[in-house]
């Protein structure tokens, strides 16, 4: 699967599949591709601040949200600590991605549970790659890194971006 196929599929699911939108989305992703990054999966979903659906693109390195030709909103997979799907009458299937960079909510996601499984697997793989390990001395860097991650999670909980339950699950994943 290449970038064009991946994005075309998601745009068709979003009901926004004009050739101009497809070309714009492909250009936006290809302009930000990281060395060695490959496409994995895509789906359509809506950010709570937008009326129309956009495209969620899962790569080997990041989760990207594309909307109306704007630069993609990236979420590094190595920073993802939790992925959940809920269903509501008003917002359909809701995908919540908790990462050290923040909490990201996408509503009315097409095939959300299937996409969430792929996202969880890709995040595990990204965290377990050798390059995700710190290059500095293991003891000091790992401890400082862990404290920084826990502090960011606590800040997200304090700000209301994470519930107590989500905070506990993310903290347990960090601590192993």
N, C-alpha and C. Protein backbone atom coordinates (compact mmCIF):
# COMPACT_ATOMS: atom_id res chain seq x y z
N UNK A 1 0.85 -1.18 0.00
CA UNK A 1 0.00 0.00 0.00
C UNK A 1 0.89 1.24 0.00
N UNK A 2 0.54 2.24 -0.82
CA UNK A 2 1.32 3.48 -0.82
C UNK A 2 0.47 4.61 -0.23
N UNK A 3 1.07 5.80 -0.12
CA UNK A 3 0.39 6.94 0.50
C UNK A 3 -0.91 7.29 -0.21
N UNK A 4 -0.90 7.27 -1.54
CA UNK A 4 -2.09 7.64 -2.31
C UNK A 4 -3.24 6.69 -2.03
N UNK A 5 -2.99 5.39 -2.06
CA UNK A 5 -4.05 4.41 -1.78
C UNK A 5 -4.62 4.59 -0.37
N UNK A 6 -3.73 4.80 0.58
CA UNK A 6 -4.13 4.94 1.97
C UNK A 6 -5.04 6.15 2.15
N UNK A 7 -4.66 7.28 1.60
CA UNK A 7 -5.43 8.51 1.76
C UNK A 7 -6.72 8.47 0.95
N UNK A 8 -6.67 7.92 -0.25
CA UNK A 8 -7.88 7.80 -1.08
C UNK A 8 -8.96 6.99 -0.35
N UNK A 9 -8.56 5.91 0.27
CA UNK A 9 -9.50 5.05 1.00
C UNK A 9 -10.17 5.83 2.13
N UNK A 10 -9.38 6.57 2.89
CA UNK A 10 -9.93 7.33 4.02
C UNK A 10 -10.81 8.48 3.54
N UNK A 11 -10.42 9.15 2.48
CA UNK A 11 -11.24 10.25 1.96
C UNK A 11 -12.57 9.75 1.43
N UNK A 12 -12.57 8.59 0.81
CA UNK A 12 -13.83 8.00 0.34
C UNK A 12 -14.75 7.70 1.53
N UNK A 13 -14.17 7.19 2.61
CA UNK A 13 -14.96 6.90 3.81
C UNK A 13 -15.50 8.18 4.45
N UNK A 14 -14.78 9.29 4.28
CA UNK A 14 -15.22 10.55 4.87
C UNK A 14 -16.26 11.26 4.02
N UNK A 15 -16.43 10.80 2.78
CA UNK A 15 -17.37 11.46 1.89
C UNK A 15 -16.80 12.73 1.29
N UNK A 16 -15.50 12.84 1.31
CA UNK A 16 -14.81 14.05 0.86
C UNK A 16 -13.77 13.66 -0.19
N UNK A 17 -14.17 12.89 -1.19
CA UNK A 17 -13.20 12.25 -2.07
C UNK A 17 -12.98 12.94 -3.42
N UNK A 18 -13.04 14.26 -3.45
CA UNK A 18 -12.77 14.94 -4.72
C UNK A 18 -11.29 14.77 -5.06
N UNK A 19 -10.99 14.80 -6.34
CA UNK A 19 -9.59 14.63 -6.78
C UNK A 19 -8.70 15.71 -6.19
N UNK A 20 -9.21 16.93 -6.06
CA UNK A 20 -8.42 18.03 -5.49
C UNK A 20 -8.08 17.74 -4.03
N UNK A 21 -9.07 17.26 -3.26
CA UNK A 21 -8.83 16.93 -1.85
C UNK A 21 -7.82 15.79 -1.72
N UNK A 22 -7.94 14.78 -2.58
CA UNK A 22 -7.02 13.65 -2.54
C UNK A 22 -5.60 14.10 -2.83
N UNK A 23 -5.41 14.89 -3.87
CA UNK A 23 -4.07 15.35 -4.24
C UNK A 23 -3.49 16.24 -3.14
N UNK A 24 -4.32 17.10 -2.57
CA UNK A 24 -3.88 17.99 -1.50
C UNK A 24 -3.43 17.21 -0.27
N UNK A 25 -4.19 16.20 0.11
CA UNK A 25 -3.86 15.38 1.28
C UNK A 25 -2.58 14.58 1.05
N UNK A 26 -2.42 14.01 -0.13
CA UNK A 26 -1.21 13.25 -0.44
C UNK A 26 0.01 14.18 -0.39
N UNK A 27 -0.10 15.35 -0.97
CA UNK A 27 1.02 16.32 -0.94
C UNK A 27 1.37 16.69 0.50
N UNK A 28 0.36 16.93 1.33
CA UNK A 28 0.59 17.32 2.72
C UNK A 28 1.35 16.23 3.48
N UNK A 29 0.96 14.98 3.28
CA UNK A 29 1.65 13.88 3.97
C UNK A 29 3.06 13.68 3.41
N UNK A 30 3.19 13.62 2.10
CA UNK A 30 4.50 13.37 1.50
C UNK A 30 5.51 14.46 1.84
N UNK A 31 5.03 15.68 2.10
CA UNK A 31 5.94 16.78 2.46
C UNK A 31 6.50 16.62 3.87
N UNK A 32 5.85 15.80 4.70
CA UNK A 32 6.30 15.65 6.08
C UNK A 32 6.81 14.26 6.41
N UNK A 33 6.95 13.40 5.41
CA UNK A 33 7.38 12.02 5.66
C UNK A 33 8.79 12.00 6.26
N UNK A 34 8.96 11.19 7.28
CA UNK A 34 10.25 10.99 7.95
C UNK A 34 10.98 9.86 7.24
N UNK A 35 12.31 9.91 7.23
CA UNK A 35 13.09 8.83 6.61
C UNK A 35 12.67 7.48 7.17
N UNK A 36 12.36 6.54 6.29
CA UNK A 36 11.99 5.20 6.70
C UNK A 36 10.53 5.04 7.10
N UNK A 37 9.77 6.10 7.09
CA UNK A 37 8.36 6.03 7.48
C UNK A 37 7.53 5.41 6.36
N UNK A 38 6.68 4.48 6.73
CA UNK A 38 5.83 3.77 5.77
C UNK A 38 4.37 3.88 6.18
N UNK A 39 3.45 3.86 5.22
CA UNK A 39 2.03 3.90 5.58
C UNK A 39 1.57 2.56 6.16
N UNK A 40 0.67 2.62 7.13
CA UNK A 40 0.15 1.41 7.76
C UNK A 40 -1.36 1.29 7.54
N UNK A 41 -2.09 2.32 7.92
CA UNK A 41 -3.56 2.27 7.83
C UNK A 41 -4.12 3.68 7.80
N UNK A 42 -5.39 3.77 7.43
CA UNK A 42 -6.06 5.07 7.46
C UNK A 42 -7.55 4.86 7.72
N UNK A 43 -8.19 5.92 8.17
CA UNK A 43 -9.62 5.94 8.35
C UNK A 43 -10.08 7.38 8.33
N UNK A 44 -11.36 7.57 8.41
CA UNK A 44 -11.93 8.92 8.45
C UNK A 44 -12.46 9.20 9.84
N UNK A 45 -12.36 10.45 10.26
CA UNK A 45 -12.86 10.84 11.56
C UNK A 45 -12.95 12.35 11.63
N UNK A 46 -13.57 12.81 12.67
CA UNK A 46 -13.77 14.25 12.83
C UNK A 46 -13.14 14.70 14.14
N UNK A 47 -12.39 15.79 14.07
CA UNK A 47 -11.87 16.41 15.27
C UNK A 47 -13.03 17.18 15.89
N UNK A 48 -13.16 17.23 17.21
CA UNK A 48 -14.30 17.90 17.83
C UNK A 48 -14.45 19.37 17.43
N UNK A 49 -13.39 20.01 16.99
CA UNK A 49 -13.46 21.42 16.61
C UNK A 49 -13.86 21.62 15.15
N UNK A 50 -14.06 20.54 14.40
CA UNK A 50 -14.39 20.65 12.98
C UNK A 50 -15.72 19.97 12.70
N UNK A 51 -16.45 20.51 11.75
CA UNK A 51 -17.73 19.94 11.37
C UNK A 51 -17.56 18.75 10.43
N UNK A 52 -16.71 18.94 9.40
CA UNK A 52 -16.50 17.87 8.41
C UNK A 52 -15.41 16.92 8.87
N UNK A 53 -15.49 15.71 8.32
CA UNK A 53 -14.48 14.69 8.65
C UNK A 53 -13.16 15.00 7.96
N UNK A 54 -12.10 14.50 8.58
CA UNK A 54 -10.77 14.55 8.00
C UNK A 54 -10.25 13.12 7.88
N UNK A 55 -8.95 13.00 7.68
CA UNK A 55 -8.33 11.70 7.48
C UNK A 55 -7.34 11.43 8.61
N UNK A 56 -7.45 10.26 9.22
CA UNK A 56 -6.46 9.79 10.19
C UNK A 56 -5.56 8.81 9.46
N UNK A 57 -4.26 9.10 9.44
CA UNK A 57 -3.29 8.26 8.76
C UNK A 57 -2.33 7.70 9.80
N UNK A 58 -2.23 6.39 9.86
CA UNK A 58 -1.30 5.72 10.75
C UNK A 58 -0.08 5.30 9.94
N UNK A 59 1.10 5.69 10.41
CA UNK A 59 2.34 5.30 9.76
C UNK A 59 3.16 4.46 10.74
N UNK A 60 4.32 4.06 10.31
CA UNK A 60 5.20 3.29 11.20
C UNK A 60 5.78 4.16 12.31
N UNK A 61 5.68 5.50 12.18
CA UNK A 61 6.27 6.41 13.16
C UNK A 61 5.26 7.30 13.88
N UNK A 62 4.13 7.63 13.19
CA UNK A 62 3.23 8.64 13.75
C UNK A 62 1.77 8.37 13.37
N UNK A 63 0.91 9.05 14.09
CA UNK A 63 -0.49 9.17 13.72
C UNK A 63 -0.65 10.59 13.22
N UNK A 64 -1.23 10.75 12.03
CA UNK A 64 -1.41 12.07 11.44
C UNK A 64 -2.90 12.34 11.24
N UNK A 65 -3.32 13.58 11.50
CA UNK A 65 -4.69 14.00 11.20
C UNK A 65 -4.62 15.06 10.13
N UNK A 66 -5.28 14.79 8.99
CA UNK A 66 -5.28 15.71 7.85
C UNK A 66 -6.67 16.32 7.70
N UNK A 67 -6.69 17.62 7.51
CA UNK A 67 -7.97 18.31 7.34
C UNK A 67 -7.80 19.52 6.44
N UNK A 68 -8.54 19.57 5.35
CA UNK A 68 -8.62 20.73 4.47
C UNK A 68 -7.27 21.28 4.02
N UNK A 69 -6.33 20.42 3.70
CA UNK A 69 -5.05 20.86 3.16
C UNK A 69 -4.11 21.50 4.15
N UNK A 70 -4.46 21.53 5.42
CA UNK A 70 -3.59 22.10 6.45
C UNK A 70 -2.48 21.10 6.75
N UNK A 71 -1.36 21.58 7.30
CA UNK A 71 -0.29 20.64 7.67
C UNK A 71 -0.83 19.58 8.64
N UNK A 72 -0.37 18.33 8.50
CA UNK A 72 -0.87 17.26 9.37
C UNK A 72 -0.55 17.53 10.84
N UNK A 73 -1.46 17.12 11.71
CA UNK A 73 -1.22 17.19 13.15
C UNK A 73 -0.61 15.85 13.54
N UNK A 74 0.71 15.82 13.89
CA UNK A 74 1.36 14.54 14.17
C UNK A 74 1.33 14.15 15.65
N UNK A 75 1.17 12.85 15.90
CA UNK A 75 1.29 12.29 17.24
C UNK A 75 2.33 11.17 17.13
N UNK A 76 3.54 11.35 17.72
CA UNK A 76 4.56 10.30 17.64
C UNK A 76 4.09 9.02 18.33
N UNK A 77 4.23 7.89 17.66
CA UNK A 77 3.74 6.62 18.21
C UNK A 77 4.48 6.22 19.48
N UNK A 78 5.76 6.54 19.58
CA UNK A 78 6.51 6.17 20.78
C UNK A 78 5.97 6.88 22.01
N UNK A 79 5.23 7.98 21.82
CA UNK A 79 4.67 8.74 22.94
C UNK A 79 3.26 8.30 23.31
N UNK A 80 2.65 7.43 22.52
CA UNK A 80 1.27 6.99 22.78
C UNK A 80 1.25 6.03 23.97
N UNK A 81 0.43 6.37 24.96
CA UNK A 81 0.35 5.52 26.14
C UNK A 81 -1.00 4.80 26.27
N UNK A 82 -2.03 5.30 25.59
CA UNK A 82 -3.33 4.65 25.69
C UNK A 82 -4.19 4.98 24.46
N UNK A 83 -4.96 4.00 24.01
CA UNK A 83 -5.89 4.18 22.89
C UNK A 83 -7.19 3.50 23.29
N UNK A 84 -8.29 4.27 23.32
CA UNK A 84 -9.58 3.71 23.67
C UNK A 84 -10.64 4.12 22.66
N UNK A 85 -11.67 3.31 22.56
CA UNK A 85 -12.81 3.60 21.69
C UNK A 85 -14.07 3.52 22.53
N UNK A 86 -14.90 4.55 22.42
CA UNK A 86 -16.20 4.54 23.07
C UNK A 86 -17.25 4.85 22.00
N UNK A 87 -18.49 4.58 22.31
CA UNK A 87 -19.57 4.87 21.37
C UNK A 87 -20.59 5.77 22.05
N UNK A 88 -20.99 6.81 21.34
CA UNK A 88 -22.03 7.70 21.85
C UNK A 88 -23.08 7.89 20.77
N UNK A 89 -24.29 8.23 21.17
CA UNK A 89 -25.36 8.47 20.19
C UNK A 89 -25.07 9.71 19.37
N UNK A 90 -24.51 10.71 19.98
CA UNK A 90 -24.28 11.99 19.30
C UNK A 90 -23.03 11.97 18.42
N UNK A 91 -21.94 11.37 18.90
CA UNK A 91 -20.65 11.45 18.20
C UNK A 91 -20.20 10.14 17.57
N UNK A 92 -21.03 9.10 17.56
CA UNK A 92 -20.65 7.83 16.96
C UNK A 92 -19.50 7.19 17.72
N UNK A 93 -18.61 6.55 16.97
CA UNK A 93 -17.44 5.92 17.59
C UNK A 93 -16.38 6.99 17.85
N UNK A 94 -15.95 7.09 19.10
CA UNK A 94 -15.00 8.11 19.52
C UNK A 94 -13.67 7.44 19.83
N UNK A 95 -12.61 7.91 19.18
CA UNK A 95 -11.25 7.39 19.38
C UNK A 95 -10.50 8.39 20.24
N UNK A 96 -10.01 7.94 21.40
CA UNK A 96 -9.23 8.79 22.28
C UNK A 96 -7.80 8.25 22.31
N UNK A 97 -6.86 9.10 21.92
CA UNK A 97 -5.45 8.73 21.90
C UNK A 97 -4.74 9.57 22.95
N UNK A 98 -4.20 8.91 23.97
CA UNK A 98 -3.47 9.60 25.02
C UNK A 98 -1.98 9.41 24.75
N UNK A 99 -1.29 10.53 24.65
CA UNK A 99 0.15 10.49 24.40
C UNK A 99 0.82 11.48 25.33
N UNK A 100 2.11 11.37 25.44
CA UNK A 100 2.85 12.31 26.28
C UNK A 100 2.77 13.73 25.71
N UNK A 101 2.41 13.85 24.45
CA UNK A 101 2.26 15.16 23.82
C UNK A 101 0.88 15.75 24.05
N UNK A 102 -0.03 14.99 24.63
CA UNK A 102 -1.38 15.47 24.90
C UNK A 102 -2.41 14.40 24.63
N UNK A 103 -3.66 14.78 24.83
CA UNK A 103 -4.78 13.88 24.59
C UNK A 103 -5.47 14.31 23.30
N UNK A 104 -5.76 13.35 22.44
CA UNK A 104 -6.34 13.65 21.13
C UNK A 104 -7.64 12.86 20.99
N UNK A 105 -8.71 13.57 20.67
CA UNK A 105 -10.04 12.96 20.55
C UNK A 105 -10.54 13.13 19.12
N UNK A 106 -11.01 12.03 18.57
CA UNK A 106 -11.57 12.03 17.22
C UNK A 106 -12.94 11.38 17.28
N UNK A 107 -13.93 12.03 16.68
CA UNK A 107 -15.31 11.56 16.76
C UNK A 107 -15.78 11.02 15.42
N UNK A 108 -16.85 10.24 15.46
CA UNK A 108 -17.47 9.67 14.26
C UNK A 108 -16.42 8.97 13.38
N UNK A 109 -15.57 8.19 14.03
CA UNK A 109 -14.47 7.49 13.35
C UNK A 109 -15.01 6.23 12.67
N UNK A 110 -14.64 6.06 11.41
CA UNK A 110 -15.07 4.89 10.64
C UNK A 110 -14.22 3.69 11.05
N UNK A 111 -14.87 2.60 11.42
CA UNK A 111 -14.19 1.37 11.85
C UNK A 111 -13.16 1.67 12.95
N UNK A 112 -13.60 2.39 13.97
CA UNK A 112 -12.71 2.87 15.03
C UNK A 112 -12.00 1.75 15.78
N UNK A 113 -12.71 0.68 16.12
CA UNK A 113 -12.09 -0.39 16.90
C UNK A 113 -10.96 -1.08 16.12
N UNK A 114 -11.18 -1.33 14.85
CA UNK A 114 -10.16 -1.94 14.01
C UNK A 114 -8.95 -1.02 13.89
N UNK A 115 -9.20 0.28 13.68
CA UNK A 115 -8.11 1.25 13.57
C UNK A 115 -7.37 1.37 14.90
N UNK A 116 -8.10 1.33 16.02
CA UNK A 116 -7.47 1.42 17.34
C UNK A 116 -6.53 0.24 17.58
N UNK A 117 -6.94 -0.96 17.16
CA UNK A 117 -6.06 -2.13 17.31
C UNK A 117 -4.77 -1.95 16.52
N UNK A 118 -4.89 -1.45 15.31
CA UNK A 118 -3.69 -1.20 14.50
C UNK A 118 -2.82 -0.13 15.15
N UNK A 119 -3.43 0.90 15.69
CA UNK A 119 -2.70 1.97 16.36
C UNK A 119 -1.98 1.46 17.61
N UNK A 120 -2.66 0.63 18.40
CA UNK A 120 -2.01 0.06 19.60
C UNK A 120 -0.79 -0.79 19.22
N UNK A 121 -0.94 -1.62 18.20
CA UNK A 121 0.17 -2.47 17.75
C UNK A 121 1.33 -1.63 17.24
N UNK A 122 1.04 -0.61 16.45
CA UNK A 122 2.10 0.26 15.90
C UNK A 122 2.79 1.03 17.02
N UNK A 123 2.03 1.47 18.03
CA UNK A 123 2.62 2.20 19.16
C UNK A 123 3.54 1.28 19.96
N UNK A 124 3.10 0.03 20.20
CA UNK A 124 3.96 -0.94 20.90
C UNK A 124 5.25 -1.15 20.13
N UNK A 125 5.14 -1.34 18.82
CA UNK A 125 6.33 -1.56 17.99
C UNK A 125 7.25 -0.35 18.04
N UNK A 126 6.69 0.85 18.01
CA UNK A 126 7.51 2.07 18.04
C UNK A 126 8.23 2.21 19.38
N UNK A 127 7.55 1.85 20.47
CA UNK A 127 8.19 1.96 21.79
C UNK A 127 9.28 0.90 21.97
N UNK A 128 9.15 -0.23 21.27
CA UNK A 128 10.10 -1.33 21.45
C UNK A 128 11.26 -1.32 20.46
N UNK A 129 11.31 -0.34 19.58
CA UNK A 129 12.43 -0.28 18.63
C UNK A 129 13.67 0.20 19.36
N UNK A 130 14.84 -0.28 18.97
CA UNK A 130 16.08 0.11 19.64
C UNK A 130 16.31 1.61 19.63
N UNK A 131 15.93 2.31 18.57
CA UNK A 131 16.20 3.74 18.51
C UNK A 131 15.33 4.53 19.48
N UNK A 132 14.29 3.91 20.04
CA UNK A 132 13.47 4.60 21.02
C UNK A 132 14.14 4.64 22.39
N UNK A 133 15.19 3.85 22.57
CA UNK A 133 15.91 3.84 23.83
C UNK A 133 16.87 5.01 23.91
N UNK A 134 17.09 5.58 25.08
CA UNK A 134 17.97 6.73 25.22
C UNK A 134 19.42 6.36 24.92
N UNK A 135 20.15 7.29 24.32
CA UNK A 135 21.55 7.06 23.98
C UNK A 135 22.47 7.44 25.13
N UNK A 136 21.98 8.24 26.06
CA UNK A 136 22.77 8.68 27.20
C UNK A 136 22.95 7.52 28.18
N UNK A 137 23.75 7.71 29.22
CA UNK A 137 23.93 6.67 30.22
C UNK A 137 22.57 6.18 30.72
N UNK A 138 22.42 4.88 30.77
CA UNK A 138 21.11 4.28 31.03
C UNK A 138 20.47 4.72 32.33
N UNK A 139 21.18 4.73 33.43
CA UNK A 139 20.59 5.05 34.72
C UNK A 139 20.02 6.44 34.81
N UNK A 140 20.80 7.47 34.57
CA UNK A 140 20.35 8.85 34.73
C UNK A 140 19.31 9.23 33.69
N UNK A 141 19.57 8.95 32.42
CA UNK A 141 18.66 9.39 31.36
C UNK A 141 17.31 8.70 31.47
N UNK A 142 17.31 7.41 31.78
CA UNK A 142 16.05 6.69 31.87
C UNK A 142 15.22 7.21 33.03
N UNK A 143 15.83 7.43 34.18
CA UNK A 143 15.12 7.96 35.34
C UNK A 143 14.57 9.35 35.10
N UNK A 144 15.38 10.23 34.54
CA UNK A 144 14.94 11.59 34.23
C UNK A 144 13.83 11.58 33.20
N UNK A 145 13.98 10.73 32.21
CA UNK A 145 12.97 10.62 31.15
C UNK A 145 11.64 10.15 31.74
N UNK A 146 11.68 9.15 32.60
CA UNK A 146 10.48 8.62 33.21
C UNK A 146 9.80 9.67 34.08
N UNK A 147 10.56 10.40 34.85
CA UNK A 147 10.00 11.45 35.71
C UNK A 147 9.33 12.53 34.85
N UNK A 148 9.96 12.90 33.74
CA UNK A 148 9.38 13.89 32.84
C UNK A 148 8.06 13.41 32.25
N UNK A 149 8.02 12.14 31.87
CA UNK A 149 6.79 11.58 31.30
C UNK A 149 5.68 11.52 32.35
N UNK A 150 6.02 11.13 33.56
CA UNK A 150 5.02 11.08 34.63
C UNK A 150 4.51 12.48 34.97
N UNK A 151 5.41 13.48 34.96
CA UNK A 151 4.99 14.86 35.22
C UNK A 151 4.03 15.36 34.15
N UNK A 152 4.29 15.01 32.88
CA UNK A 152 3.40 15.42 31.80
C UNK A 152 2.03 14.75 31.94
N UNK A 153 2.02 13.47 32.31
CA UNK A 153 0.75 12.78 32.54
C UNK A 153 -0.03 13.43 33.67
N UNK A 154 0.67 13.77 34.75
CA UNK A 154 0.00 14.42 35.89
C UNK A 154 -0.57 15.77 35.48
N UNK A 155 0.16 16.51 34.65
CA UNK A 155 -0.33 17.81 34.17
C UNK A 155 -1.57 17.63 33.31
N UNK A 156 -1.60 16.59 32.50
CA UNK A 156 -2.78 16.31 31.67
C UNK A 156 -3.98 15.97 32.54
N UNK A 157 -3.75 15.22 33.62
CA UNK A 157 -4.84 14.86 34.53
C UNK A 157 -5.34 16.12 35.24
N UNK A 158 -4.41 16.95 35.72
CA UNK A 158 -4.78 18.18 36.42
C UNK A 158 -5.58 19.13 35.53
N UNK A 159 -5.19 19.20 34.25
CA UNK A 159 -5.89 20.11 33.32
C UNK A 159 -7.25 19.58 32.89
N UNK A 160 -7.53 18.32 33.20
CA UNK A 160 -8.82 17.73 32.82
C UNK A 160 -8.78 17.00 31.49
N UNK A 161 -7.62 16.96 30.82
CA UNK A 161 -7.50 16.26 29.54
C UNK A 161 -7.57 14.75 29.72
N UNK A 162 -7.20 14.27 30.93
CA UNK A 162 -7.27 12.84 31.24
C UNK A 162 -8.15 12.63 32.46
N UNK A 163 -8.95 11.59 32.41
CA UNK A 163 -9.71 11.21 33.60
C UNK A 163 -8.76 10.48 34.55
N UNK A 164 -9.22 10.25 35.76
CA UNK A 164 -8.40 9.52 36.73
C UNK A 164 -8.09 8.12 36.22
N UNK A 165 -9.07 7.48 35.60
CA UNK A 165 -8.90 6.14 35.05
C UNK A 165 -7.85 6.12 33.92
N UNK A 166 -7.96 7.08 33.00
CA UNK A 166 -7.00 7.16 31.88
C UNK A 166 -5.59 7.43 32.40
N UNK A 167 -5.49 8.31 33.41
CA UNK A 167 -4.19 8.61 34.01
C UNK A 167 -3.58 7.36 34.63
N UNK A 168 -4.38 6.61 35.37
CA UNK A 168 -3.89 5.39 36.03
C UNK A 168 -3.39 4.37 35.01
N UNK A 169 -4.17 4.16 33.94
CA UNK A 169 -3.75 3.19 32.90
C UNK A 169 -2.46 3.65 32.21
N UNK A 170 -2.37 4.93 31.88
CA UNK A 170 -1.16 5.44 31.21
C UNK A 170 0.05 5.33 32.13
N UNK A 171 -0.14 5.64 33.42
CA UNK A 171 0.96 5.55 34.39
C UNK A 171 1.43 4.11 34.55
N UNK A 172 0.48 3.16 34.58
CA UNK A 172 0.83 1.75 34.72
C UNK A 172 1.64 1.28 33.50
N UNK A 173 1.27 1.75 32.31
CA UNK A 173 2.02 1.38 31.11
C UNK A 173 3.44 1.92 31.14
N UNK A 174 3.59 3.14 31.66
CA UNK A 174 4.94 3.72 31.75
C UNK A 174 5.81 2.96 32.74
N UNK A 175 5.21 2.59 33.85
CA UNK A 175 5.97 1.93 34.90
C UNK A 175 6.16 0.44 34.65
N UNK A 176 5.46 -0.10 33.65
CA UNK A 176 5.62 -1.49 33.26
C UNK A 176 4.83 -2.39 34.13
